[in-house]
Amino acid sequence: MFDATDIIYRYTRADALRDGVLVDVSDFALEAGFAIPVAITRAAYDSYIVPSDSLRSDGQSAEARLWDTLRILWIKAKHNGGSTVMFSVLFLMNSGAKPEPIELKALCHPGDNSEPVVTIMCPSED
């Protein structure tokens, strides 16, 4: 029905990574057990991975929060399988408060060249 000449515009994963819409976390993901590229949406990254200044004072770091996210996802994906994995991570969101479960979603899907990739996002994102 349609072929490549019918495409008006295509926004690729590489475009999203270049533009900062996705954050490449593949190096961390490799250490966490993933064998394929992993990215996280800017919304999820800024909302949950990057701690506020007050949380940094409490010892929170983006690296540790990302590590927790990737390890929990890896364990959940290994046991549940499927191309969509819903999982929660305990994050300290406010200084002096208790950690709270934050729901995230991960999709394993074809990348720009049909290779398998993982994208972590907020549940409301596509």
PDB file of N, CA and C in Angstrom:
ATOM      1  N   MET A   1       0.810  -1.181   0.000  1.00  0.00           N
ATOM      2  CA  MET A   1       0.000   0.000   0.000  1.00  0.00           C
ATOM      3  C   MET A   1       0.863   1.258   0.000  1.00  0.00           C
ATOM      4  N   PHE A   2       1.778   1.380   0.981  1.00  0.00           N
ATOM      5  CA  PHE A   2       2.692   2.511   1.028  1.00  0.00           C
ATOM      6  C   PHE A   2       4.109   2.000   0.893  1.00  0.00           C
ATOM      7  N   ASP A   3       5.004   2.822   0.348  1.00  0.00           N
ATOM      8  CA  ASP A   3       6.420   2.475   0.328  1.00  0.00           C
ATOM      9  C   ASP A   3       7.232   3.673   0.808  1.00  0.00           C
ATOM     10  N   ALA A   4       8.554   3.545   0.817  1.00  0.00           N
ATOM     11  CA  ALA A   4       9.426   4.576   1.379  1.00  0.00           C
ATOM     12  C   ALA A   4       9.245   5.942   0.719  1.00  0.00           C
ATOM     13  N   THR A   5       8.852   5.971  -0.530  1.00  0.00           N
ATOM     14  CA  THR A   5       8.672   7.266  -1.205  1.00  0.00           C
ATOM     15  C   THR A   5       7.428   7.996  -0.726  1.00  0.00           C
ATOM     16  N   ASP A   6       6.534   7.297  -0.022  1.00  0.00           N
ATOM     17  CA  ASP A   6       5.316   7.918   0.494  1.00  0.00           C
ATOM     18  C   ASP A   6       5.523   8.588   1.862  1.00  0.00           C
ATOM     19  N   ILE A   7       6.681   8.351   2.481  1.00  0.00           N
ATOM     20  CA  ILE A   7       6.934   8.912   3.801  1.00  0.00           C
ATOM     21  C   ILE A   7       7.167  10.408   3.686  1.00  0.00           C
ATOM     22  N   ILE A   8       6.408  11.170   4.457  1.00  0.00           N
ATOM     23  CA  ILE A   8       6.539  12.624   4.452  1.00  0.00           C
ATOM     24  C   ILE A   8       7.612  13.049   5.452  1.00  0.00           C
ATOM     25  N   TYR A   9       7.615  12.448   6.632  1.00  0.00           N
ATOM     26  CA  TYR A   9       8.574  12.807   7.669  1.00  0.00           C
ATOM     27  C   TYR A   9       8.794  11.605   8.567  1.00  0.00           C
ATOM     28  N   ARG A  10      10.029  11.409   8.984  1.00  0.00           N
ATOM     29  CA  ARG A  10      10.360  10.301   9.871  1.00  0.00           C
ATOM     30  C   ARG A  10      11.267  10.827  10.972  1.00  0.00           C
ATOM     31  N   TYR A  11      10.876  10.623  12.217  1.00  0.00           N
ATOM     32  CA  TYR A  11      11.680  11.022  13.369  1.00  0.00           C
ATOM     33  C   TYR A  11      12.251   9.750  13.968  1.00  0.00           C
ATOM     34  N   THR A  12      13.541   9.552  13.834  1.00  0.00           N
ATOM     35  CA  THR A  12      14.177   8.298  14.228  1.00  0.00           C
ATOM     36  C   THR A  12      14.631   8.330  15.686  1.00  0.00           C
ATOM     37  N   ARG A  13      14.989   7.167  16.188  1.00  0.00           N
ATOM     38  CA  ARG A  13      15.560   7.072  17.531  1.00  0.00           C
ATOM     39  C   ARG A  13      16.860   7.878  17.586  1.00  0.00           C
ATOM     40  N   ALA A  14      17.657   7.804  16.543  1.00  0.00           N
ATOM     41  CA  ALA A  14      18.897   8.593  16.494  1.00  0.00           C
ATOM     42  C   ALA A  14      18.592  10.088  16.583  1.00  0.00           C
ATOM     43  N   ASP A  15      17.525  10.526  15.907  1.00  0.00           N
ATOM     44  CA  ASP A  15      17.105  11.935  16.005  1.00  0.00           C
ATOM     45  C   ASP A  15      16.746  12.281  17.446  1.00  0.00           C
ATOM     46  N   ALA A  16      15.976  11.412  18.092  1.00  0.00           N
ATOM     47  CA  ALA A  16      15.534  11.658  19.467  1.00  0.00           C
ATOM     48  C   ALA A  16      16.719  11.694  20.431  1.00  0.00           C
ATOM     49  N   LEU A  17      17.687  10.825  20.227  1.00  0.00           N
ATOM     50  CA  LEU A  17      18.891  10.838  21.058  1.00  0.00           C
ATOM     51  C   LEU A  17      19.694  12.115  20.817  1.00  0.00           C
ATOM     52  N   ARG A  18      19.856  12.493  19.584  1.00  0.00           N
ATOM     53  CA  ARG A  18      20.598  13.710  19.237  1.00  0.00           C
ATOM     54  C   ARG A  18      19.922  14.956  19.799  1.00  0.00           C
ATOM     55  N   ASP A  19      18.596  14.991  19.729  1.00  0.00           N
ATOM     56  CA  ASP A  19      17.834  16.154  20.194  1.00  0.00           C
ATOM     57  C   ASP A  19      17.661  16.194  21.717  1.00  0.00           C
ATOM     58  N   GLY A  20      17.995  15.110  22.404  1.00  0.00           N
ATOM     59  CA  GLY A  20      17.837  15.066  23.855  1.00  0.00           C
ATOM     60  C   GLY A  20      16.463  14.626  24.316  1.00  0.00           C
ATOM     61  N   VAL A  21      15.614  14.205  23.389  1.00  0.00           N
ATOM     62  CA  VAL A  21      14.294  13.673  23.756  1.00  0.00           C
ATOM     63  C   VAL A  21      14.467  12.332  24.465  1.00  0.00           C
ATOM     64  N   LEU A  22      15.476  11.587  24.063  1.00  0.00           N
ATOM     65  CA  LEU A  22      15.892  10.358  24.732  1.00  0.00           C
ATOM     66  C   LEU A  22      17.308  10.547  25.265  1.00  0.00           C
ATOM     67  N   VAL A  23      17.586   9.921  26.417  1.00  0.00           N
ATOM     68  CA  VAL A  23      18.916   9.949  27.014  1.00  0.00           C
ATOM     69  C   VAL A  23      19.494   8.545  26.890  1.00  0.00           C
ATOM     70  N   ASP A  24      20.637   8.429  26.239  1.00  0.00           N
ATOM     71  CA  ASP A  24      21.283   7.131  26.065  1.00  0.00           C
ATOM     72  C   ASP A  24      21.929   6.708  27.385  1.00  0.00           C
ATOM     73  N   VAL A  25      21.494   5.583  27.923  1.00  0.00           N
ATOM     74  CA  VAL A  25      22.054   5.047  29.162  1.00  0.00           C
ATOM     75  C   VAL A  25      22.649   3.660  28.917  1.00  0.00           C
ATOM     76  N   SER A  26      23.038   3.402  27.689  1.00  0.00           N
ATOM     77  CA  SER A  26      23.519   2.075  27.298  1.00  0.00           C
ATOM     78  C   SER A  26      24.765   1.638  28.059  1.00  0.00           C
ATOM     79  N   ASP A  27      25.682   2.575  28.367  1.00  0.00           N
ATOM     80  CA  ASP A  27      26.891   2.190  29.097  1.00  0.00           C
ATOM     81  C   ASP A  27      26.544   1.674  30.493  1.00  0.00           C
ATOM     82  N   PHE A  28      25.677   2.386  31.200  1.00  0.00           N
ATOM     83  CA  PHE A  28      25.215   1.927  32.512  1.00  0.00           C
ATOM     84  C   PHE A  28      24.453   0.619  32.361  1.00  0.00           C
ATOM     85  N   ALA A  29      23.619   0.546  31.328  1.00  0.00           N
ATOM     86  CA  ALA A  29      22.781  -0.637  31.119  1.00  0.00           C
ATOM     87  C   ALA A  29      23.635  -1.884  30.870  1.00  0.00           C
ATOM     88  N   LEU A  30      24.717  -1.726  30.163  1.00  0.00           N
ATOM     89  CA  LEU A  30      25.620  -2.849  29.911  1.00  0.00           C
ATOM     90  C   LEU A  30      26.140  -3.397  31.238  1.00  0.00           C
ATOM     91  N   GLU A  31      26.536  -2.518  32.145  1.00  0.00           N
ATOM     92  CA  GLU A  31      27.011  -2.934  33.463  1.00  0.00           C
ATOM     93  C   GLU A  31      25.891  -3.586  34.277  1.00  0.00           C
ATOM     94  N   ALA A  32      24.651  -3.168  34.017  1.00  0.00           N
ATOM     95  CA  ALA A  32      23.498  -3.707  34.763  1.00  0.00           C
ATOM     96  C   ALA A  32      22.997  -5.025  34.185  1.00  0.00           C
ATOM     97  N   GLY A  33      23.575  -5.490  33.078  1.00  0.00           N
ATOM     98  CA  GLY A  33      23.196  -6.787  32.530  1.00  0.00           C
ATOM     99  C   GLY A  33      22.540  -6.760  31.170  1.00  0.00           C
ATOM    100  N   PHE A  34      22.266  -5.591  30.616  1.00  0.00           N
ATOM    101  CA  PHE A  34      21.621  -5.492  29.308  1.00  0.00           C
ATOM    102  C   PHE A  34      22.642  -5.693  28.195  1.00  0.00           C
ATOM    103  N   ALA A  35      22.224  -6.396  27.157  1.00  0.00           N
ATOM    104  CA  ALA A  35      23.096  -6.647  26.015  1.00  0.00           C
ATOM    105  C   ALA A  35      22.680  -5.829  24.799  1.00  0.00           C
ATOM    106  N   ILE A  36      21.669  -4.988  24.950  1.00  0.00           N
ATOM    107  CA  ILE A  36      21.169  -4.170  23.837  1.00  0.00           C
ATOM    108  C   ILE A  36      21.104  -2.708  24.293  1.00  0.00           C
ATOM    109  N   PRO A  37      21.055  -1.774  23.348  1.00  0.00           N
ATOM    110  CA  PRO A  37      21.003  -0.358  23.714  1.00  0.00           C
ATOM    111  C   PRO A  37      19.757  -0.021  24.542  1.00  0.00           C
ATOM    112  N   VAL A  38      19.956   0.874  25.519  1.00  0.00           N
ATOM    113  CA  VAL A  38      18.871   1.311  26.401  1.00  0.00           C
ATOM    114  C   VAL A  38      18.888   2.834  26.461  1.00  0.00           C
ATOM    115  N   ALA A  39      17.702   3.420  26.351  1.00  0.00           N
ATOM    116  CA  ALA A  39      17.539   4.867  26.502  1.00  0.00           C
ATOM    117  C   ALA A  39      16.365   5.115  27.434  1.00  0.00           C
ATOM    118  N   ILE A  40      16.326   6.307  27.995  1.00  0.00           N
ATOM    119  CA  ILE A  40      15.226   6.715  28.873  1.00  0.00           C
ATOM    120  C   ILE A  40      14.713   8.054  28.363  1.00  0.00           C
ATOM    121  N   THR A  41      13.417   8.247  28.418  1.00  0.00           N
ATOM    122  CA  THR A  41      12.860   9.508  27.933  1.00  0.00           C
ATOM    123  C   THR A  41      13.334  10.657  28.818  1.00  0.00           C
ATOM    124  N   ARG A  42      13.428  11.818  28.228  1.00  0.00           N
ATOM    125  CA  ARG A  42      13.849  13.012  28.966  1.00  0.00           C
ATOM    126  C   ARG A  42      12.909  13.272  30.146  1.00  0.00           C
ATOM    127  N   ALA A  43      11.616  13.053  29.947  1.00  0.00           N
ATOM    128  CA  ALA A  43      10.645  13.293  31.025  1.00  0.00           C
ATOM    129  C   ALA A  43      10.931  12.393  32.223  1.00  0.00           C
ATOM    130  N   ALA A  44      11.137  11.114  31.988  1.00  0.00           N
ATOM    131  CA  ALA A  44      11.425  10.183  33.086  1.00  0.00           C
ATOM    132  C   ALA A  44      12.787  10.486  33.706  1.00  0.00           C
ATOM    133  N   TYR A  45      13.758  10.798  32.878  1.00  0.00           N
ATOM    134  CA  TYR A  45      15.107  11.094  33.366  1.00  0.00           C
ATOM    135  C   TYR A  45      15.097  12.317  34.280  1.00  0.00           C
ATOM    136  N   ASP A  46      14.498  13.394  33.810  1.00  0.00           N
ATOM    137  CA  ASP A  46      14.484  14.629  34.599  1.00  0.00           C
ATOM    138  C   ASP A  46      13.587  14.516  35.833  1.00  0.00           C
ATOM    139  N   SER A  47      12.512  13.767  35.746  1.00  0.00           N
ATOM    140  CA  SER A  47      11.571  13.652  36.869  1.00  0.00           C
ATOM    141  C   SER A  47      12.065  12.725  37.971  1.00  0.00           C
ATOM    142  N   TYR A  48      12.785  11.652  37.598  1.00  0.00           N
ATOM    143  CA  TYR A  48      13.105  10.626  38.586  1.00  0.00           C
ATOM    144  C   TYR A  48      14.582  10.298  38.733  1.00  0.00           C
ATOM    145  N   ILE A  49      15.348  10.414  37.697  1.00  0.00           N
ATOM    146  CA  ILE A  49      16.762  10.032  37.783  1.00  0.00           C
ATOM    147  C   ILE A  49      17.604  11.170  38.349  1.00  0.00           C
ATOM    148  N   VAL A  50      17.407  12.371  37.861  1.00  0.00           N
ATOM    149  CA  VAL A  50      18.194  13.517  38.323  1.00  0.00           C
ATOM    150  C   VAL A  50      17.595  14.031  39.633  1.00  0.00           C
ATOM    151  N   PRO A  51      18.346  13.929  40.748  1.00  0.00           N
ATOM    152  CA  PRO A  51      17.803  14.385  42.027  1.00  0.00           C
ATOM    153  C   PRO A  51      17.846  15.912  42.137  1.00  0.00           C
ATOM    154  N   SER A  52      16.945  16.438  42.933  1.00  0.00           N
ATOM    155  CA  SER A  52      16.949  17.876  43.205  1.00  0.00           C
ATOM    156  C   SER A  52      18.196  18.218  44.036  1.00  0.00           C
ATOM    157  N   ASP A  53      18.481  19.508  44.159  1.00  0.00           N
ATOM    158  CA  ASP A  53      19.627  19.943  44.958  1.00  0.00           C
ATOM    159  C   ASP A  53      19.511  19.460  46.404  1.00  0.00           C
ATOM    160  N   SER A  54      18.304  19.538  46.974  1.00  0.00           N
ATOM    161  CA  SER A  54      18.136  19.100  48.360  1.00  0.00           C
ATOM    162  C   SER A  54      18.355  17.598  48.495  1.00  0.00           C
ATOM    163  N   LEU A  55      17.959  16.829  47.489  1.00  0.00           N
ATOM    164  CA  LEU A  55      18.190  15.385  47.544  1.00  0.00           C
ATOM    165  C   LEU A  55      19.669  15.052  47.350  1.00  0.00           C
ATOM    166  N   ARG A  56      20.369  15.865  46.558  1.00  0.00           N
ATOM    167  CA  ARG A  56      21.820  15.657  46.430  1.00  0.00           C
ATOM    168  C   ARG A  56      22.487  15.842  47.790  1.00  0.00           C
ATOM    169  N   SER A  57      21.993  16.810  48.554  1.00  0.00           N
ATOM    170  CA  SER A  57      22.525  17.045  49.907  1.00  0.00           C
ATOM    171  C   SER A  57      22.265  15.844  50.813  1.00  0.00           C
ATOM    172  N   ASP A  58      21.234  15.082  50.513  1.00  0.00           N
ATOM    173  CA  ASP A  58      20.907  13.870  51.276  1.00  0.00           C
ATOM    174  C   ASP A  58      21.671  12.650  50.762  1.00  0.00           C
ATOM    175  N   GLY A  59      22.561  12.850  49.787  1.00  0.00           N
ATOM    176  CA  GLY A  59      23.377  11.754  49.272  1.00  0.00           C
ATOM    177  C   GLY A  59      22.841  11.081  48.029  1.00  0.00           C
ATOM    178  N   GLN A  60      21.765  11.601  47.453  1.00  0.00           N
ATOM    179  CA  GLN A  60      21.206  11.022  46.231  1.00  0.00           C
ATOM    180  C   GLN A  60      22.054  11.444  45.021  1.00  0.00           C
ATOM    181  N   SER A  61      22.219  10.535  44.077  1.00  0.00           N
ATOM    182  CA  SER A  61      22.946  10.861  42.842  1.00  0.00           C
ATOM    183  C   SER A  61      22.195  10.273  41.650  1.00  0.00           C
ATOM    184  N   ALA A  62      22.376  10.908  40.505  1.00  0.00           N
ATOM    185  CA  ALA A  62      21.747  10.409  39.281  1.00  0.00           C
ATOM    186  C   ALA A  62      22.269   9.016  38.949  1.00  0.00           C
ATOM    187  N   GLU A  63      23.542   8.788  39.167  1.00  0.00           N
ATOM    188  CA  GLU A  63      24.134   7.488  38.843  1.00  0.00           C
ATOM    189  C   GLU A  63      23.498   6.370  39.666  1.00  0.00           C
ATOM    190  N   ALA A  64      23.338   6.600  40.955  1.00  0.00           N
ATOM    191  CA  ALA A  64      22.747   5.568  41.829  1.00  0.00           C
ATOM    192  C   ALA A  64      21.279   5.339  41.492  1.00  0.00           C
ATOM    193  N   ARG A  65      20.547   6.411  41.213  1.00  0.00           N
ATOM    194  CA  ARG A  65      19.130   6.279  40.878  1.00  0.00           C
ATOM    195  C   ARG A  65      18.964   5.551  39.539  1.00  0.00           C
ATOM    196  N   LEU A  66      19.848   5.846  38.585  1.00  0.00           N
ATOM    197  CA  LEU A  66      19.804   5.156  37.294  1.00  0.00           C
ATOM    198  C   LEU A  66      20.163   3.683  37.472  1.00  0.00           C
ATOM    199  N   TRP A  67      21.177   3.399  38.265  1.00  0.00           N
ATOM    200  CA  TRP A  67      21.569   2.015  38.523  1.00  0.00           C
ATOM    201  C   TRP A  67      20.403   1.217  39.116  1.00  0.00           C
ATOM    202  N   ASP A  68      19.729   1.795  40.115  1.00  0.00           N
ATOM    203  CA  ASP A  68      18.580   1.119  40.725  1.00  0.00           C
ATOM    204  C   ASP A  68      17.502   0.844  39.679  1.00  0.00           C
ATOM    205  N   THR A  69      17.232   1.826  38.843  1.00  0.00           N
ATOM    206  CA  THR A  69      16.208   1.686  37.801  1.00  0.00           C
ATOM    207  C   THR A  69      16.557   0.561  36.840  1.00  0.00           C
ATOM    208  N   LEU A  70      17.789   0.547  36.375  1.00  0.00           N
ATOM    209  CA  LEU A  70      18.209  -0.460  35.399  1.00  0.00           C
ATOM    210  C   LEU A  70      18.235  -1.867  36.000  1.00  0.00           C
ATOM    211  N   ARG A  71      18.722  -2.005  37.207  1.00  0.00           N
ATOM    212  CA  ARG A  71      18.779  -3.337  37.826  1.00  0.00           C
ATOM    213  C   ARG A  71      17.383  -3.888  38.086  1.00  0.00           C
ATOM    214  N   ILE A  72      16.483  -3.035  38.582  1.00  0.00           N
ATOM    215  CA  ILE A  72      15.116  -3.503  38.828  1.00  0.00           C
ATOM    216  C   ILE A  72      14.452  -3.887  37.514  1.00  0.00           C
ATOM    217  N   LEU A  73      14.630  -3.081  36.485  1.00  0.00           N
ATOM    218  CA  LEU A  73      14.075  -3.427  35.174  1.00  0.00           C
ATOM    219  C   LEU A  73      14.660  -4.739  34.668  1.00  0.00           C
ATOM    220  N   TRP A  74      15.955  -4.906  34.766  1.00  0.00           N
ATOM    221  CA  TRP A  74      16.594  -6.126  34.263  1.00  0.00           C
ATOM    222  C   TRP A  74      16.029  -7.358  34.957  1.00  0.00           C
ATOM    223  N   ILE A  75      15.900  -7.292  36.272  1.00  0.00           N
ATOM    224  CA  ILE A  75      15.354  -8.431  37.029  1.00  0.00           C
ATOM    225  C   ILE A  75      13.901  -8.686  36.641  1.00  0.00           C
ATOM    226  N   LYS A  76      13.114  -7.628  36.568  1.00  0.00           N
ATOM    227  CA  LYS A  76      11.690  -7.770  36.216  1.00  0.00           C
ATOM    228  C   LYS A  76      11.530  -8.326  34.796  1.00  0.00           C
ATOM    229  N   ALA A  77      12.306  -7.798  33.849  1.00  0.00           N
ATOM    230  CA  ALA A  77      12.208  -8.255  32.458  1.00  0.00           C
ATOM    231  C   ALA A  77      12.648  -9.706  32.326  1.00  0.00           C
ATOM    232  N   LYS A  78      13.677 -10.089  33.062  1.00  0.00           N
ATOM    233  CA  LYS A  78      14.181 -11.464  32.997  1.00  0.00           C
ATOM    234  C   LYS A  78      13.128 -12.457  33.483  1.00  0.00           C
ATOM    235  N   HIS A  79      12.349 -12.065  34.477  1.00  0.00           N
ATOM    236  CA  HIS A  79      11.358 -12.975  35.039  1.00  0.00           C
ATOM    237  C   HIS A  79      10.002 -12.896  34.360  1.00  0.00           C
ATOM    238  N   ASN A  80       9.671 -11.752  33.789  1.00  0.00           N
ATOM    239  CA  ASN A  80       8.338 -11.583  33.197  1.00  0.00           C
ATOM    240  C   ASN A  80       8.332 -11.709  31.687  1.00  0.00           C
ATOM    241  N   GLY A  81       9.413 -11.359  31.040  1.00  0.00           N
ATOM    242  CA  GLY A  81       9.444 -11.417  29.581  1.00  0.00           C
ATOM    243  C   GLY A  81       8.463 -10.451  28.956  1.00  0.00           C
ATOM    244  N   GLY A  82       8.210 -10.604  27.695  1.00  0.00           N
ATOM    245  CA  GLY A  82       7.292  -9.721  26.989  1.00  0.00           C
ATOM    246  C   GLY A  82       7.985  -8.457  26.516  1.00  0.00           C
ATOM    247  N   SER A  83       7.349  -7.758  25.596  1.00  0.00           N
ATOM    248  CA  SER A  83       7.962  -6.556  25.031  1.00  0.00           C
ATOM    249  C   SER A  83       7.662  -5.303  25.848  1.00  0.00           C
ATOM    250  N   THR A  84       6.680  -5.361  26.741  1.00  0.00           N
ATOM    251  CA  THR A  84       6.371  -4.237  27.628  1.00  0.00           C
ATOM    252  C   THR A  84       6.486  -4.707  29.064  1.00  0.00           C
ATOM    253  N   VAL A  85       7.253  -3.970  29.852  1.00  0.00           N
ATOM    254  CA  VAL A  85       7.437  -4.316  31.255  1.00  0.00           C
ATOM    255  C   VAL A  85       7.076  -3.104  32.100  1.00  0.00           C
ATOM    256  N   MET A  86       6.132  -3.293  32.980  1.00  0.00           N
ATOM    257  CA  MET A  86       5.778  -2.273  33.968  1.00  0.00           C
ATOM    258  C   MET A  86       6.544  -2.623  35.240  1.00  0.00           C
ATOM    259  N   PHE A  87       7.165  -1.632  35.855  1.00  0.00           N
ATOM    260  CA  PHE A  87       7.932  -1.893  37.066  1.00  0.00           C
ATOM    261  C   PHE A  87       7.941  -0.639  37.935  1.00  0.00           C
ATOM    262  N   SER A  88       8.252  -0.817  39.193  1.00  0.00           N
ATOM    263  CA  SER A  88       8.327   0.344  40.080  1.00  0.00           C
ATOM    264  C   SER A  88       9.674   0.361  40.782  1.00  0.00           C
ATOM    265  N   VAL A  89      10.129   1.577  41.040  1.00  0.00           N
ATOM    266  CA  VAL A  89      11.403   1.818  41.708  1.00  0.00           C
ATOM    267  C   VAL A  89      11.124   2.707  42.912  1.00  0.00           C
ATOM    268  N   LEU A  90      11.732   2.391  44.034  1.00  0.00           N
ATOM    269  CA  LEU A  90      11.597   3.249  45.213  1.00  0.00           C
ATOM    270  C   LEU A  90      12.566   4.416  45.084  1.00  0.00           C
ATOM    271  N   PHE A  91      12.012   5.616  45.023  1.00  0.00           N
ATOM    272  CA  PHE A  91      12.830   6.824  44.933  1.00  0.00           C
ATOM    273  C   PHE A  91      12.514   7.736  46.100  1.00  0.00           C
ATOM    274  N   LEU A  92      13.551   8.339  46.649  1.00  0.00           N
ATOM    275  CA  LEU A  92      13.372   9.411  47.606  1.00  0.00           C
ATOM    276  C   LEU A  92      13.049  10.650  46.775  1.00  0.00           C
ATOM    277  N   MET A  93      11.848  11.172  46.928  1.00  0.00           N
ATOM    278  CA  MET A  93      11.408  12.299  46.093  1.00  0.00           C
ATOM    279  C   MET A  93      11.474  13.635  46.837  1.00  0.00           C
ATOM    280  N   ASN A  94      11.436  13.595  48.169  1.00  0.00           N
ATOM    281  CA  ASN A  94      11.489  14.807  48.982  1.00  0.00           C
ATOM    282  C   ASN A  94      12.422  14.577  50.149  1.00  0.00           C
ATOM    283  N   SER A  95      13.253  15.559  50.422  1.00  0.00           N
ATOM    284  CA  SER A  95      14.184  15.471  51.540  1.00  0.00           C
ATOM    285  C   SER A  95      13.418  15.241  52.839  1.00  0.00           C
ATOM    286  N   GLY A  96      13.863  14.259  53.608  1.00  0.00           N
ATOM    287  CA  GLY A  96      13.226  13.959  54.885  1.00  0.00           C
ATOM    288  C   GLY A  96      12.024  13.042  54.792  1.00  0.00           C
ATOM    289  N   ALA A  97      11.574  12.748  53.595  1.00  0.00           N
ATOM    290  CA  ALA A  97      10.412  11.860  53.412  1.00  0.00           C
ATOM    291  C   ALA A  97      10.891  10.424  53.237  1.00  0.00           C
ATOM    292  N   LYS A  98       9.934   9.515  53.228  1.00  0.00           N
ATOM    293  CA  LYS A  98      10.241   8.114  52.944  1.00  0.00           C
ATOM    294  C   LYS A  98      10.287   7.906  51.435  1.00  0.00           C
ATOM    295  N   PRO A  99      11.094   6.945  50.968  1.00  0.00           N
ATOM    296  CA  PRO A  99      11.077   6.626  49.537  1.00  0.00           C
ATOM    297  C   PRO A  99       9.678   6.178  49.117  1.00  0.00           C
ATOM    298  N   GLU A 100       9.323   6.517  47.902  1.00  0.00           N
ATOM    299  CA  GLU A 100       8.003   6.142  47.394  1.00  0.00           C
ATOM    300  C   GLU A 100       8.139   5.368  46.084  1.00  0.00           C
ATOM    301  N   PRO A 101       7.223   4.422  45.838  1.00  0.00           N
ATOM    302  CA  PRO A 101       7.297   3.652  44.588  1.00  0.00           C
ATOM    303  C   PRO A 101       6.869   4.522  43.406  1.00  0.00           C
ATOM    304  N   ILE A 102       7.712   4.539  42.397  1.00  0.00           N
ATOM    305  CA  ILE A 102       7.435   5.270  41.163  1.00  0.00           C
ATOM    306  C   ILE A 102       7.282   4.248  40.042  1.00  0.00           C
ATOM    307  N   GLU A 103       6.147   4.295  39.380  1.00  0.00           N
ATOM    308  CA  GLU A 103       5.874   3.371  38.280  1.00  0.00           C
ATOM    309  C   GLU A 103       6.562   3.854  37.005  1.00  0.00           C
ATOM    310  N   LEU A 104       7.207   2.918  36.324  1.00  0.00           N
ATOM    311  CA  LEU A 104       7.825   3.189  35.034  1.00  0.00           C
ATOM    312  C   LEU A 104       7.430   2.078  34.064  1.00  0.00           C
ATOM    313  N   LYS A 105       7.668   2.350  32.791  1.00  0.00           N
ATOM    314  CA  LYS A 105       7.358   1.381  31.738  1.00  0.00           C
ATOM    315  C   LYS A 105       8.588   1.257  30.855  1.00  0.00           C
ATOM    316  N   ALA A 106       8.856   0.060  30.402  1.00  0.00           N
ATOM    317  CA  ALA A 106       9.948  -0.167  29.462  1.00  0.00           C
ATOM    318  C   ALA A 106       9.418  -0.961  28.274  1.00  0.00           C
ATOM    319  N   LEU A 107       9.840  -0.552  27.103  1.00  0.00           N
ATOM    320  CA  LEU A 107       9.473  -1.254  25.875  1.00  0.00           C
ATOM    321  C   LEU A 107      10.727  -1.796  25.216  1.00  0.00           C
ATOM    322  N   CYS A 108      10.667  -3.043  24.793  1.00  0.00           N
ATOM    323  CA  CYS A 108      11.701  -3.610  23.932  1.00  0.00           C
ATOM    324  C   CYS A 108      11.097  -3.602  22.539  1.00  0.00           C
ATOM    325  N   HIS A 109      11.740  -2.906  21.627  1.00  0.00           N
ATOM    326  CA  HIS A 109      11.148  -2.696  20.307  1.00  0.00           C
ATOM    327  C   HIS A 109      12.250  -2.547  19.266  1.00  0.00           C
ATOM    328  N   PRO A 110      11.904  -2.530  17.994  1.00  0.00           N
ATOM    329  CA  PRO A 110      12.916  -2.360  16.957  1.00  0.00           C
ATOM    330  C   PRO A 110      13.465  -0.938  16.939  1.00  0.00           C
ATOM    331  N   GLY A 111      14.775  -0.833  16.793  1.00  0.00           N
ATOM    332  CA  GLY A 111      15.418   0.459  16.626  1.00  0.00           C
ATOM    333  C   GLY A 111      15.344   0.916  15.174  1.00  0.00           C
ATOM    334  N   ASP A 112      16.136   1.907  14.839  1.00  0.00           N
ATOM    335  CA  ASP A 112      16.110   2.489  13.492  1.00  0.00           C
ATOM    336  C   ASP A 112      16.434   1.484  12.391  1.00  0.00           C
ATOM    337  N   ASN A 113      17.246   0.476  12.728  1.00  0.00           N
ATOM    338  CA  ASN A 113      17.630  -0.534  11.735  1.00  0.00           C
ATOM    339  C   ASN A 113      17.074  -1.907  12.096  1.00  0.00           C
ATOM    340  N   SER A 114      15.957  -1.914  12.773  1.00  0.00           N
ATOM    341  CA  SER A 114      15.253  -3.131  13.203  1.00  0.00           C
ATOM    342  C   SER A 114      15.999  -3.936  14.259  1.00  0.00           C
ATOM    343  N   GLU A 115      17.039  -3.360  14.868  1.00  0.00           N
ATOM    344  CA  GLU A 115      17.754  -4.026  15.948  1.00  0.00           C
ATOM    345  C   GLU A 115      16.958  -3.851  17.240  1.00  0.00           C
ATOM    346  N   PRO A 116      17.069  -4.797  18.183  1.00  0.00           N
ATOM    347  CA  PRO A 116      16.325  -4.650  19.434  1.00  0.00           C
ATOM    348  C   PRO A 116      16.918  -3.531  20.300  1.00  0.00           C
ATOM    349  N   VAL A 117      16.054  -2.708  20.848  1.00  0.00           N
ATOM    350  CA  VAL A 117      16.436  -1.639  21.769  1.00  0.00           C
ATOM    351  C   VAL A 117      15.400  -1.578  22.885  1.00  0.00           C
ATOM    352  N   VAL A 118      15.780  -0.951  23.991  1.00  0.00           N
ATOM    353  CA  VAL A 118      14.874  -0.749  25.114  1.00  0.00           C
ATOM    354  C   VAL A 118      14.718   0.734  25.354  1.00  0.00           C
ATOM    355  N   THR A 119      13.475   1.157  25.608  1.00  0.00           N
ATOM    356  CA  THR A 119      13.206   2.526  25.992  1.00  0.00           C
ATOM    357  C   THR A 119      12.420   2.519  27.297  1.00  0.00           C
ATOM    358  N   ILE A 120      12.950   3.237  28.286  1.00  0.00           N
ATOM    359  CA  ILE A 120      12.299   3.392  29.586  1.00  0.00           C
ATOM    360  C   ILE A 120      11.548   4.718  29.572  1.00  0.00           C
ATOM    361  N   MET A 121      10.329   4.722  30.133  1.00  0.00           N
ATOM    362  CA  MET A 121       9.513   5.933  30.093  1.00  0.00           C
ATOM    363  C   MET A 121       8.528   5.958  31.241  1.00  0.00           C
ATOM    364  N   CYS A 122       7.856   7.096  31.372  1.00  0.00           N
ATOM    365  CA  CYS A 122       6.744   7.205  32.304  1.00  0.00           C
ATOM    366  C   CYS A 122       5.572   6.404  31.728  1.00  0.00           C
ATOM    367  N   PRO A 123       4.700   5.860  32.558  1.00  0.00           N
ATOM    368  CA  PRO A 123       3.591   5.049  32.052  1.00  0.00           C
ATOM    369  C   PRO A 123       2.687   5.769  31.058  1.00  0.00           C
ATOM    370  N   SER A 124       2.588   7.074  31.148  1.00  0.00           N
ATOM    371  CA  SER A 124       1.710   7.833  30.242  1.00  0.00           C
ATOM    372  C   SER A 124       2.352   8.115  28.890  1.00  0.00           C
ATOM    373  N   GLU A 125       3.639   7.816  28.739  1.00  0.00           N
ATOM    374  CA  GLU A 125       4.330   8.077  27.476  1.00  0.00           C
ATOM    375  C   GLU A 125       4.190   6.903  26.518  1.00  0.00           C
ATOM    376  N   ASP A 126       4.355   7.186  25.238  1.00  0.00           N
ATOM    377  CA  ASP A 126       4.328   6.133  24.193  1.00  0.00           C
ATOM    378  C   ASP A 126       5.708   5.903  23.644  1.00  0.00           C
TER     379      ASP A 126
END
